[in-house]
Amino acid sequence: MTEREIREHYAGRPLKPTFYTIDTDTSRLFVAATGADTLPPLLLIHGAPGAWYGYIRMLDDTLLSKQYHVISVDRPGYHKSRISGPWRKRRKQYTLGWQANTIAQALRLNHSGKPATVLGRSYGAPVAARLAADYPAQISQLFLVSPAIDPDAEKFYWFSTWGKFPLIQAFLPKFLNIATHEKFTHADELRKLLPSWSQIQAPVTVMQGGRDWIINACNFDFAKCVLDGKPANFIFLPEAGHLITNSHAELVRSLLLTPSAGTAAPTSAN
């Protein structure tokens, strides 16, 4: 969305997000939030590429904003979030752990004293998982939607390699170069994540679509393996594509509004 489209979207709407920037030595994190900051936080983490407004429907949802302080971030390097210093030097530090630590700063905006519900989709799901593993006392529920988490299932396209060439990168916007970097380092980062799955203490809900052509459904089976023995709910949607938070918004909302959703029995839905 352009800035004009965002302004037009919120023109006349009673519920509008409040915007924040959080500066650290290594980054500037841009955040959009709705709901009172005295409510439990709901932290939303987008994929690659993406931006906070990928969750605009959830930010606009009055039922969610009555129960949660809804916080949607621009992941570092995307949209209005920034990575400090030259990208060539910073990219070696652009890891799942660094992203999780940076995004965790957004929880400082909340003043409820309650642990957060964290939802990450696609490439944002492993960041959410790492955050839940590194900050177990601060996370009450974890939702992994269309998660790209299996290190042996990274999917490449015919055009993927072109983005690695410096000459091509010179003509591409920074967010696409970051998405390309993530693409080619993702499998290694997911292997580094393997020990962290056992450290997740919060109940987990995993959602996967049967018609997701971006994320292979084997990621769903991988989630069952790494979360074996933990309180987890596995929801397979045979007719769903990749954007489950949009196509099945009512289902996602009902799960978020039900605190015990993460401990439910494994489920399959249409």
C-alpha atoms as a PDB file:
ATOM      1  CA  MET A   1       0.000   0.000   0.000  1.00  0.00           C
ATOM      2  CA  THR A   2       1.130   3.532  -0.699  1.00  0.00           C
ATOM      3  CA  GLU A   3       0.942   6.247   1.949  1.00  0.00           C
ATOM      4  CA  ARG A   4      -1.979   7.731   0.031  1.00  0.00           C
ATOM      5  CA  GLU A   5      -3.840   4.412   0.043  1.00  0.00           C
ATOM      6  CA  ILE A   6      -3.262   4.092   3.781  1.00  0.00           C
ATOM      7  CA  ARG A   7      -4.596   7.613   4.393  1.00  0.00           C
ATOM      8  CA  GLU A   8      -7.644   6.901   2.229  1.00  0.00           C
ATOM      9  CA  HIS A   9      -8.236   3.599   3.995  1.00  0.00           C
ATOM     10  CA  TYR A  10      -8.364   5.280   7.403  1.00  0.00           C
ATOM     11  CA  ALA A  11     -10.259   8.405   6.345  1.00  0.00           C
ATOM     12  CA  GLY A  12     -13.436   8.513   8.423  1.00  0.00           C
ATOM     13  CA  ARG A  13     -12.665   5.316  10.335  1.00  0.00           C
ATOM     14  CA  PRO A  14     -13.083   5.596  14.114  1.00  0.00           C
ATOM     15  CA  LEU A  15     -10.326   3.059  14.800  1.00  0.00           C
ATOM     16  CA  LYS A  16      -6.945   4.254  13.556  1.00  0.00           C
ATOM     17  CA  PRO A  17      -3.502   2.877  14.402  1.00  0.00           C
ATOM     18  CA  THR A  18      -0.927   4.753  16.413  1.00  0.00           C
ATOM     19  CA  PHE A  19       2.531   4.682  14.820  1.00  0.00           C
ATOM     20  CA  TYR A  20       5.846   4.352  16.649  1.00  0.00           C
ATOM     21  CA  THR A  21       9.515   4.085  15.829  1.00  0.00           C
ATOM     22  CA  ILE A  22      11.906   2.313  18.176  1.00  0.00           C
ATOM     23  CA  ASP A  23      15.576   3.107  17.669  1.00  0.00           C
ATOM     24  CA  THR A  24      18.471   0.899  18.738  1.00  0.00           C
ATOM     25  CA  ASP A  25      22.158   0.921  17.864  1.00  0.00           C
ATOM     26  CA  THR A  26      21.532  -1.494  15.012  1.00  0.00           C
ATOM     27  CA  SER A  27      18.028  -0.750  13.766  1.00  0.00           C
ATOM     28  CA  ARG A  28      14.949   1.430  13.573  1.00  0.00           C
ATOM     29  CA  LEU A  29      11.747  -0.555  14.113  1.00  0.00           C
ATOM     30  CA  PHE A  30       8.464   0.845  12.759  1.00  0.00           C
ATOM     31  CA  VAL A  31       5.292  -0.243  14.533  1.00  0.00           C
ATOM     32  CA  ALA A  32       1.547   0.248  14.040  1.00  0.00           C
ATOM     33  CA  ALA A  33      -0.772  -0.467  16.979  1.00  0.00           C
ATOM     34  CA  THR A  34      -4.463  -0.398  17.866  1.00  0.00           C
ATOM     35  CA  GLY A  35      -6.221  -1.095  21.136  1.00  0.00           C
ATOM     36  CA  ALA A  36      -5.315   0.063  24.635  1.00  0.00           C
ATOM     37  CA  ASP A  37      -1.735  -0.560  25.704  1.00  0.00           C
ATOM     38  CA  THR A  38      -3.081  -1.855  29.017  1.00  0.00           C
ATOM     39  CA  LEU A  39      -4.562  -4.894  27.238  1.00  0.00           C
ATOM     40  CA  PRO A  40      -2.503  -8.055  26.614  1.00  0.00           C
ATOM     41  CA  PRO A  41      -0.330  -7.640  23.505  1.00  0.00           C
ATOM     42  CA  LEU A  42      -0.930  -9.384  20.185  1.00  0.00           C
ATOM     43  CA  LEU A  43       2.283  -9.148  18.157  1.00  0.00           C
ATOM     44  CA  LEU A  44       2.001  -9.684  14.386  1.00  0.00           C
ATOM     45  CA  ILE A  45       5.059 -10.558  12.256  1.00  0.00           C
ATOM     46  CA  HIS A  46       4.858 -10.503   8.437  1.00  0.00           C
ATOM     47  CA  GLY A  47       6.666 -12.584   5.823  1.00  0.00           C
ATOM     48  CA  ALA A  48       9.088 -11.694   3.023  1.00  0.00           C
ATOM     49  CA  PRO A  49       8.553  -9.230   1.580  1.00  0.00           C
ATOM     50  CA  GLY A  50       5.865  -7.503   3.614  1.00  0.00           C
ATOM     51  CA  ALA A  51       4.911  -4.629   5.886  1.00  0.00           C
ATOM     52  CA  TRP A  52       2.769  -3.850   8.922  1.00  0.00           C
ATOM     53  CA  TYR A  53      -0.268  -3.177   6.716  1.00  0.00           C
ATOM     54  CA  GLY A  54      -0.318  -6.823   5.640  1.00  0.00           C
ATOM     55  CA  TYR A  55      -2.290  -7.232   8.868  1.00  0.00           C
ATOM     56  CA  ILE A  56      -4.445  -4.151   8.327  1.00  0.00           C
ATOM     57  CA  ARG A  57      -7.676  -6.149   8.675  1.00  0.00           C
ATOM     58  CA  MET A  58      -6.614  -7.397  12.072  1.00  0.00           C
ATOM     59  CA  LEU A  59      -5.600  -3.912  13.173  1.00  0.00           C
ATOM     60  CA  ASP A  60      -9.032  -2.700  12.062  1.00  0.00           C
ATOM     61  CA  ASP A  61     -10.871  -5.487  13.875  1.00  0.00           C
ATOM     62  CA  THR A  62     -12.764  -3.925  16.768  1.00  0.00           C
ATOM     63  CA  LEU A  63     -13.257  -7.277  18.517  1.00  0.00           C
ATOM     64  CA  LEU A  64      -9.528  -7.929  18.532  1.00  0.00           C
ATOM     65  CA  SER A  65      -8.738  -4.386  19.678  1.00  0.00           C
ATOM     66  CA  LYS A  66     -11.149  -4.777  22.599  1.00  0.00           C
ATOM     67  CA  GLN A  67      -9.277  -7.849  23.822  1.00  0.00           C
ATOM     68  CA  TYR A  68      -5.732  -7.047  22.675  1.00  0.00           C
ATOM     69  CA  HIS A  69      -3.214  -4.315  22.197  1.00  0.00           C
ATOM     70  CA  VAL A  70      -2.662  -5.244  18.529  1.00  0.00           C
ATOM     71  CA  ILE A  71       0.938  -4.557  17.458  1.00  0.00           C
ATOM     72  CA  SER A  72       2.054  -5.003  13.847  1.00  0.00           C
ATOM     73  CA  VAL A  73       5.712  -4.438  12.959  1.00  0.00           C
ATOM     74  CA  ASP A  74       7.712  -3.775   9.823  1.00  0.00           C
ATOM     75  CA  ARG A  75      10.420  -6.403  10.058  1.00  0.00           C
ATOM     76  CA  PRO A  76      13.935  -4.879   9.977  1.00  0.00           C
ATOM     77  CA  GLY A  77      14.780  -3.729   6.462  1.00  0.00           C
ATOM     78  CA  TYR A  78      11.168  -3.746   5.232  1.00  0.00           C
ATOM     79  CA  HIS A  79       8.972  -0.697   4.566  1.00  0.00           C
ATOM     80  CA  LYS A  80       9.832   1.900   7.243  1.00  0.00           C
ATOM     81  CA  SER A  81      12.029  -0.238   9.472  1.00  0.00           C
ATOM     82  CA  ARG A  82      15.749   0.228   8.931  1.00  0.00           C
ATOM     83  CA  ILE A  83      18.974  -1.678   9.475  1.00  0.00           C
ATOM     84  CA  SER A  84      21.744   0.633  10.658  1.00  0.00           C
ATOM     85  CA  GLY A  85      25.007   0.740   8.728  1.00  0.00           C
ATOM     86  CA  PRO A  86      25.867  -0.490   5.221  1.00  0.00           C
ATOM     87  CA  TRP A  87      23.831  -3.522   4.194  1.00  0.00           C
ATOM     88  CA  ARG A  88      26.932  -5.433   3.067  1.00  0.00           C
ATOM     89  CA  LYS A  89      28.257  -5.313   6.638  1.00  0.00           C
ATOM     90  CA  ARG A  90      24.911  -5.724   8.371  1.00  0.00           C
ATOM     91  CA  ARG A  91      23.664  -8.720   6.373  1.00  0.00           C
ATOM     92  CA  LYS A  92      25.965 -11.090   8.274  1.00  0.00           C
ATOM     93  CA  GLN A  93      24.087 -10.133  11.441  1.00  0.00           C
ATOM     94  CA  TYR A  94      20.639 -10.301   9.797  1.00  0.00           C
ATOM     95  CA  THR A  95      19.717 -13.614  11.420  1.00  0.00           C
ATOM     96  CA  LEU A  96      16.549 -15.064  12.909  1.00  0.00           C
ATOM     97  CA  GLY A  97      17.938 -14.439  16.390  1.00  0.00           C
ATOM     98  CA  TRP A  98      18.792 -10.814  15.646  1.00  0.00           C
ATOM     99  CA  GLN A  99      15.374 -10.209  14.087  1.00  0.00           C
ATOM    100  CA  ALA A 100      13.581 -11.772  17.044  1.00  0.00           C
ATOM    101  CA  ASN A 101      15.581  -9.677  19.508  1.00  0.00           C
ATOM    102  CA  THR A 102      14.884  -6.502  17.508  1.00  0.00           C
ATOM    103  CA  ILE A 103      11.162  -7.176  17.124  1.00  0.00           C
ATOM    104  CA  ALA A 104      10.842  -8.045  20.811  1.00  0.00           C
ATOM    105  CA  GLN A 105      11.492  -4.350  21.496  1.00  0.00           C
ATOM    106  CA  ALA A 106       7.947  -3.656  20.236  1.00  0.00           C
ATOM    107  CA  LEU A 107       6.577  -5.324  23.368  1.00  0.00           C
ATOM    108  CA  ARG A 108       7.987  -2.396  25.357  1.00  0.00           C
ATOM    109  CA  LEU A 109       5.071  -0.366  23.985  1.00  0.00           C
ATOM    110  CA  ASN A 110       2.676  -2.484  26.018  1.00  0.00           C
ATOM    111  CA  HIS A 111       1.992  -1.665  29.666  1.00  0.00           C
ATOM    112  CA  SER A 112      -0.341  -4.477  30.667  1.00  0.00           C
ATOM    113  CA  GLY A 113       2.311  -6.600  32.347  1.00  0.00           C
ATOM    114  CA  LYS A 114       0.757  -9.584  30.530  1.00  0.00           C
ATOM    115  CA  PRO A 115       2.597 -12.004  28.215  1.00  0.00           C
ATOM    116  CA  ALA A 116       2.024 -11.668  24.473  1.00  0.00           C
ATOM    117  CA  THR A 117       0.253 -13.701  21.871  1.00  0.00           C
ATOM    118  CA  VAL A 118       2.575 -13.816  18.848  1.00  0.00           C
ATOM    119  CA  LEU A 119       1.458 -14.593  15.302  1.00  0.00           C
ATOM    120  CA  GLY A 120       3.950 -15.013  12.482  1.00  0.00           C
ATOM    121  CA  ARG A 121       3.144 -16.063   8.946  1.00  0.00           C
ATOM    122  CA  SER A 122       5.311 -17.410   6.138  1.00  0.00           C
ATOM    123  CA  TYR A 123       8.912 -16.173   6.655  1.00  0.00           C
ATOM    124  CA  GLY A 124       7.704 -14.367   9.769  1.00  0.00           C
ATOM    125  CA  ALA A 125       6.788 -17.673  11.430  1.00  0.00           C
ATOM    126  CA  PRO A 126      10.360 -18.799  12.228  1.00  0.00           C
ATOM    127  CA  VAL A 127      11.080 -15.317  13.601  1.00  0.00           C
ATOM    128  CA  ALA A 128       8.024 -15.711  15.851  1.00  0.00           C
ATOM    129  CA  ALA A 129       9.206 -19.174  16.902  1.00  0.00           C
ATOM    130  CA  ARG A 130      12.679 -17.874  17.769  1.00  0.00           C
ATOM    131  CA  LEU A 131      11.126 -15.018  19.743  1.00  0.00           C
ATOM    132  CA  ALA A 132       8.968 -17.488  21.717  1.00  0.00           C
ATOM    133  CA  ALA A 133      12.041 -19.650  22.414  1.00  0.00           C
ATOM    134  CA  ASP A 134      14.241 -16.747  23.507  1.00  0.00           C
ATOM    135  CA  TYR A 135      11.589 -14.942  25.594  1.00  0.00           C
ATOM    136  CA  PRO A 136       9.441 -17.757  27.071  1.00  0.00           C
ATOM    137  CA  ALA A 137       8.244 -15.704  30.050  1.00  0.00           C
ATOM    138  CA  GLN A 138       6.910 -12.986  27.743  1.00  0.00           C
ATOM    139  CA  ILE A 139       4.918 -15.224  25.377  1.00  0.00           C
ATOM    140  CA  SER A 140       1.570 -16.827  26.256  1.00  0.00           C
ATOM    141  CA  GLN A 141       0.536 -18.185  22.838  1.00  0.00           C
ATOM    142  CA  LEU A 142       2.247 -18.738  19.494  1.00  0.00           C
ATOM    143  CA  PHE A 143       0.531 -18.913  16.109  1.00  0.00           C
ATOM    144  CA  LEU A 144       2.469 -20.115  13.054  1.00  0.00           C
ATOM    145  CA  VAL A 145       0.479 -19.489   9.871  1.00  0.00           C
ATOM    146  CA  SER A 146       1.662 -20.935   6.534  1.00  0.00           C
ATOM    147  CA  PRO A 147       5.041 -21.348   8.226  1.00  0.00           C
ATOM    148  CA  ALA A 148       8.310 -21.633   6.293  1.00  0.00           C
ATOM    149  CA  ILE A 149      10.142 -23.671   8.923  1.00  0.00           C
ATOM    150  CA  ASP A 150      11.483 -26.873   7.332  1.00  0.00           C
ATOM    151  CA  PRO A 151      15.160 -26.335   6.374  1.00  0.00           C
ATOM    152  CA  ASP A 152      14.921 -29.077   3.743  1.00  0.00           C
ATOM    153  CA  ALA A 153      11.865 -27.643   2.017  1.00  0.00           C
ATOM    154  CA  GLU A 154      13.044 -24.184   0.905  1.00  0.00           C
ATOM    155  CA  LYS A 155      11.387 -23.489  -2.441  1.00  0.00           C
ATOM    156  CA  PHE A 156      13.239 -21.640  -5.203  1.00  0.00           C
ATOM    157  CA  TYR A 157      11.901 -20.227  -8.474  1.00  0.00           C
ATOM    158  CA  TRP A 158      13.470 -19.732 -11.877  1.00  0.00           C
ATOM    159  CA  PHE A 159      13.995 -16.009 -11.171  1.00  0.00           C
ATOM    160  CA  SER A 160      15.402 -16.459  -7.644  1.00  0.00           C
ATOM    161  CA  THR A 161      19.073 -16.629  -8.683  1.00  0.00           C
ATOM    162  CA  TRP A 162      18.929 -13.380 -10.666  1.00  0.00           C
ATOM    163  CA  GLY A 163      18.461 -11.401  -7.464  1.00  0.00           C
ATOM    164  CA  LYS A 164      21.885 -12.499  -6.202  1.00  0.00           C
ATOM    165  CA  PHE A 165      23.796 -10.573  -8.884  1.00  0.00           C
ATOM    166  CA  PRO A 166      25.130  -7.180  -7.685  1.00  0.00           C
ATOM    167  CA  LEU A 167      24.227  -5.521 -10.999  1.00  0.00           C
ATOM    168  CA  ILE A 168      20.611  -6.628 -10.623  1.00  0.00           C
ATOM    169  CA  GLN A 169      20.544  -5.648  -6.943  1.00  0.00           C
ATOM    170  CA  ALA A 170      21.653  -2.116  -7.824  1.00  0.00           C
ATOM    171  CA  PHE A 171      18.340  -1.582  -9.640  1.00  0.00           C
ATOM    172  CA  LEU A 172      16.110  -3.257  -7.059  1.00  0.00           C
ATOM    173  CA  PRO A 173      14.557  -1.674  -3.963  1.00  0.00           C
ATOM    174  CA  LYS A 174      16.231  -2.576  -0.672  1.00  0.00           C
ATOM    175  CA  PHE A 175      13.325  -4.715   0.547  1.00  0.00           C
ATOM    176  CA  LEU A 176      13.659  -7.035  -2.440  1.00  0.00           C
ATOM    177  CA  ASN A 177      17.383  -7.400  -1.859  1.00  0.00           C
ATOM    178  CA  ILE A 178      16.695  -8.265   1.778  1.00  0.00           C
ATOM    179  CA  ALA A 179      14.034 -10.778   0.716  1.00  0.00           C
ATOM    180  CA  THR A 180      16.575 -12.347  -1.666  1.00  0.00           C
ATOM    181  CA  HIS A 181      19.176 -12.516   1.101  1.00  0.00           C
ATOM    182  CA  GLU A 182      16.623 -14.211   3.348  1.00  0.00           C
ATOM    183  CA  LYS A 183      15.746 -16.664   0.605  1.00  0.00           C
ATOM    184  CA  PHE A 184      19.332 -17.875   0.191  1.00  0.00           C
ATOM    185  CA  THR A 185      20.215 -17.959   3.896  1.00  0.00           C
ATOM    186  CA  HIS A 186      16.875 -19.270   5.118  1.00  0.00           C
ATOM    187  CA  ALA A 187      17.699 -22.989   5.133  1.00  0.00           C
ATOM    188  CA  ASP A 188      20.868 -22.427   7.174  1.00  0.00           C
ATOM    189  CA  GLU A 189      19.006 -20.170   9.596  1.00  0.00           C
ATOM    190  CA  LEU A 190      16.288 -22.790  10.028  1.00  0.00           C
ATOM    191  CA  ARG A 191      18.923 -25.401  10.859  1.00  0.00           C
ATOM    192  CA  LYS A 192      20.283 -23.051  13.514  1.00  0.00           C
ATOM    193  CA  LEU A 193      16.717 -22.782  14.824  1.00  0.00           C
ATOM    194  CA  LEU A 194      16.390 -26.551  15.397  1.00  0.00           C
ATOM    195  CA  PRO A 195      17.614 -26.522  19.045  1.00  0.00           C
ATOM    196  CA  SER A 196      15.238 -23.647  19.860  1.00  0.00           C
ATOM    197  CA  TRP A 197      12.020 -25.585  19.212  1.00  0.00           C
ATOM    198  CA  SER A 198      12.458 -27.517  22.456  1.00  0.00           C
ATOM    199  CA  GLN A 199      12.709 -24.224  24.363  1.00  0.00           C
ATOM    200  CA  ILE A 200       9.240 -23.017  23.342  1.00  0.00           C
ATOM    201  CA  GLN A 201       6.930 -23.213  26.352  1.00  0.00           C
ATOM    202  CA  ALA A 202       3.805 -21.466  25.054  1.00  0.00           C
ATOM    203  CA  PRO A 203       0.929 -23.378  23.442  1.00  0.00           C
ATOM    204  CA  VAL A 204       1.313 -23.360  19.652  1.00  0.00           C
ATOM    205  CA  THR A 205      -1.260 -23.287  16.850  1.00  0.00           C
ATOM    206  CA  VAL A 206      -0.031 -24.211  13.359  1.00  0.00           C
ATOM    207  CA  MET A 207      -2.181 -23.443  10.295  1.00  0.00           C
ATOM    208  CA  GLN A 208      -1.438 -24.675   6.767  1.00  0.00           C
ATOM    209  CA  GLY A 209      -3.352 -24.520   3.493  1.00  0.00           C
ATOM    210  CA  GLY A 210      -3.578 -27.471   1.127  1.00  0.00           C
ATOM    211  CA  ARG A 211      -3.376 -25.177  -1.914  1.00  0.00           C
ATOM    212  CA  ASP A 212      -0.444 -23.089  -0.737  1.00  0.00           C
ATOM    213  CA  TRP A 213       1.881 -22.909  -3.758  1.00  0.00           C
ATOM    214  CA  ILE A 214       4.442 -20.783  -1.874  1.00  0.00           C
ATOM    215  CA  ILE A 215       5.018 -22.914   1.236  1.00  0.00           C
ATOM    216  CA  ASN A 216       5.157 -26.682   0.783  1.00  0.00           C
ATOM    217  CA  ALA A 217       2.698 -28.594   2.961  1.00  0.00           C
ATOM    218  CA  CYS A 218       5.582 -30.715   4.286  1.00  0.00           C
ATOM    219  CA  ASN A 219       6.266 -27.764   6.611  1.00  0.00           C
ATOM    220  CA  PHE A 220       3.066 -28.789   8.390  1.00  0.00           C
ATOM    221  CA  ASP A 221       4.429 -32.275   9.026  1.00  0.00           C
ATOM    222  CA  PHE A 222       7.748 -30.786  10.103  1.00  0.00           C
ATOM    223  CA  ALA A 223       5.909 -28.680  12.699  1.00  0.00           C
ATOM    224  CA  LYS A 224       4.297 -31.819  14.104  1.00  0.00           C
ATOM    225  CA  CYS A 225       7.737 -33.384  14.540  1.00  0.00           C
ATOM    226  CA  VAL A 226       9.503 -30.475  16.235  1.00  0.00           C
ATOM    227  CA  LEU A 227       6.493 -29.752  18.462  1.00  0.00           C
ATOM    228  CA  ASP A 228       5.900 -33.374  19.416  1.00  0.00           C
ATOM    229  CA  GLY A 229       4.916 -33.607  23.075  1.00  0.00           C
ATOM    230  CA  LYS A 230       4.132 -29.912  23.385  1.00  0.00           C
ATOM    231  CA  PRO A 231       0.658 -28.355  23.744  1.00  0.00           C
ATOM    232  CA  ALA A 232      -0.109 -27.734  20.087  1.00  0.00           C
ATOM    233  CA  ASN A 233      -3.044 -27.466  17.716  1.00  0.00           C
ATOM    234  CA  PHE A 234      -2.472 -28.391  14.041  1.00  0.00           C
ATOM    235  CA  ILE A 235      -5.082 -27.035  11.636  1.00  0.00           C
ATOM    236  CA  PHE A 236      -4.908 -28.149   7.999  1.00  0.00           C
ATOM    237  CA  LEU A 237      -7.177 -26.289   5.580  1.00  0.00           C
ATOM    238  CA  PRO A 238      -7.380 -28.337   2.350  1.00  0.00           C
ATOM    239  CA  GLU A 239      -8.858 -25.554   0.203  1.00  0.00           C
ATOM    240  CA  ALA A 240      -6.800 -22.671   1.590  1.00  0.00           C
ATOM    241  CA  GLY A 241      -3.898 -20.956  -0.131  1.00  0.00           C
ATOM    242  CA  HIS A 242      -1.046 -19.010   1.425  1.00  0.00           C
ATOM    243  CA  LEU A 243      -2.856 -15.974   2.849  1.00  0.00           C
ATOM    244  CA  ILE A 244      -4.884 -17.742   5.520  1.00  0.00           C
ATOM    245  CA  THR A 245      -5.166 -14.625   7.713  1.00  0.00           C
ATOM    246  CA  ASN A 246      -7.172 -13.063   4.869  1.00  0.00           C
ATOM    247  CA  SER A 247      -9.037 -16.035   3.383  1.00  0.00           C
ATOM    248  CA  HIS A 248      -9.939 -17.496   6.792  1.00  0.00           C
ATOM    249  CA  ALA A 249     -10.023 -14.295   8.806  1.00  0.00           C
ATOM    250  CA  GLU A 250     -13.021 -15.405  10.900  1.00  0.00           C
ATOM    251  CA  LEU A 251     -11.317 -18.657  11.888  1.00  0.00           C
ATOM    252  CA  VAL A 252      -8.095 -16.876  12.821  1.00  0.00           C
ATOM    253  CA  ARG A 253     -10.030 -14.317  14.826  1.00  0.00           C
ATOM    254  CA  SER A 254     -11.999 -16.976  16.717  1.00  0.00           C
ATOM    255  CA  LEU A 255      -8.756 -18.768  17.630  1.00  0.00           C
ATOM    256  CA  LEU A 256      -7.172 -15.551  18.841  1.00  0.00           C
ATOM    257  CA  LEU A 257     -10.206 -14.685  20.917  1.00  0.00           C
ATOM    258  CA  THR A 258     -10.092 -18.111  22.580  1.00  0.00           C
ATOM    259  CA  PRO A 259      -7.166 -18.142  25.033  1.00  0.00           C
ATOM    260  CA  SER A 260      -7.101 -21.948  25.248  1.00  0.00           C
ATOM    261  CA  ALA A 261      -6.970 -22.414  21.463  1.00  0.00           C
ATOM    262  CA  GLY A 262      -3.326 -23.440  21.522  1.00  0.00           C
ATOM    263  CA  THR A 263      -4.037 -26.487  23.684  1.00  0.00           C
ATOM    264  CA  ALA A 264      -6.862 -27.878  21.590  1.00  0.00           C
ATOM    265  CA  ALA A 265      -6.686 -31.309  19.968  1.00  0.00           C
ATOM    266  CA  PRO A 266      -5.199 -31.571  16.460  1.00  0.00           C
ATOM    267  CA  THR A 267      -7.738 -30.356  13.931  1.00  0.00           C
ATOM    268  CA  SER A 268      -8.466 -30.395  10.208  1.00  0.00           C
ATOM    269  CA  ALA A 269     -10.914 -27.915   8.688  1.00  0.00           C
ATOM    270  CA  ASN A 270     -12.289 -26.837   5.334  1.00  0.00           C
END
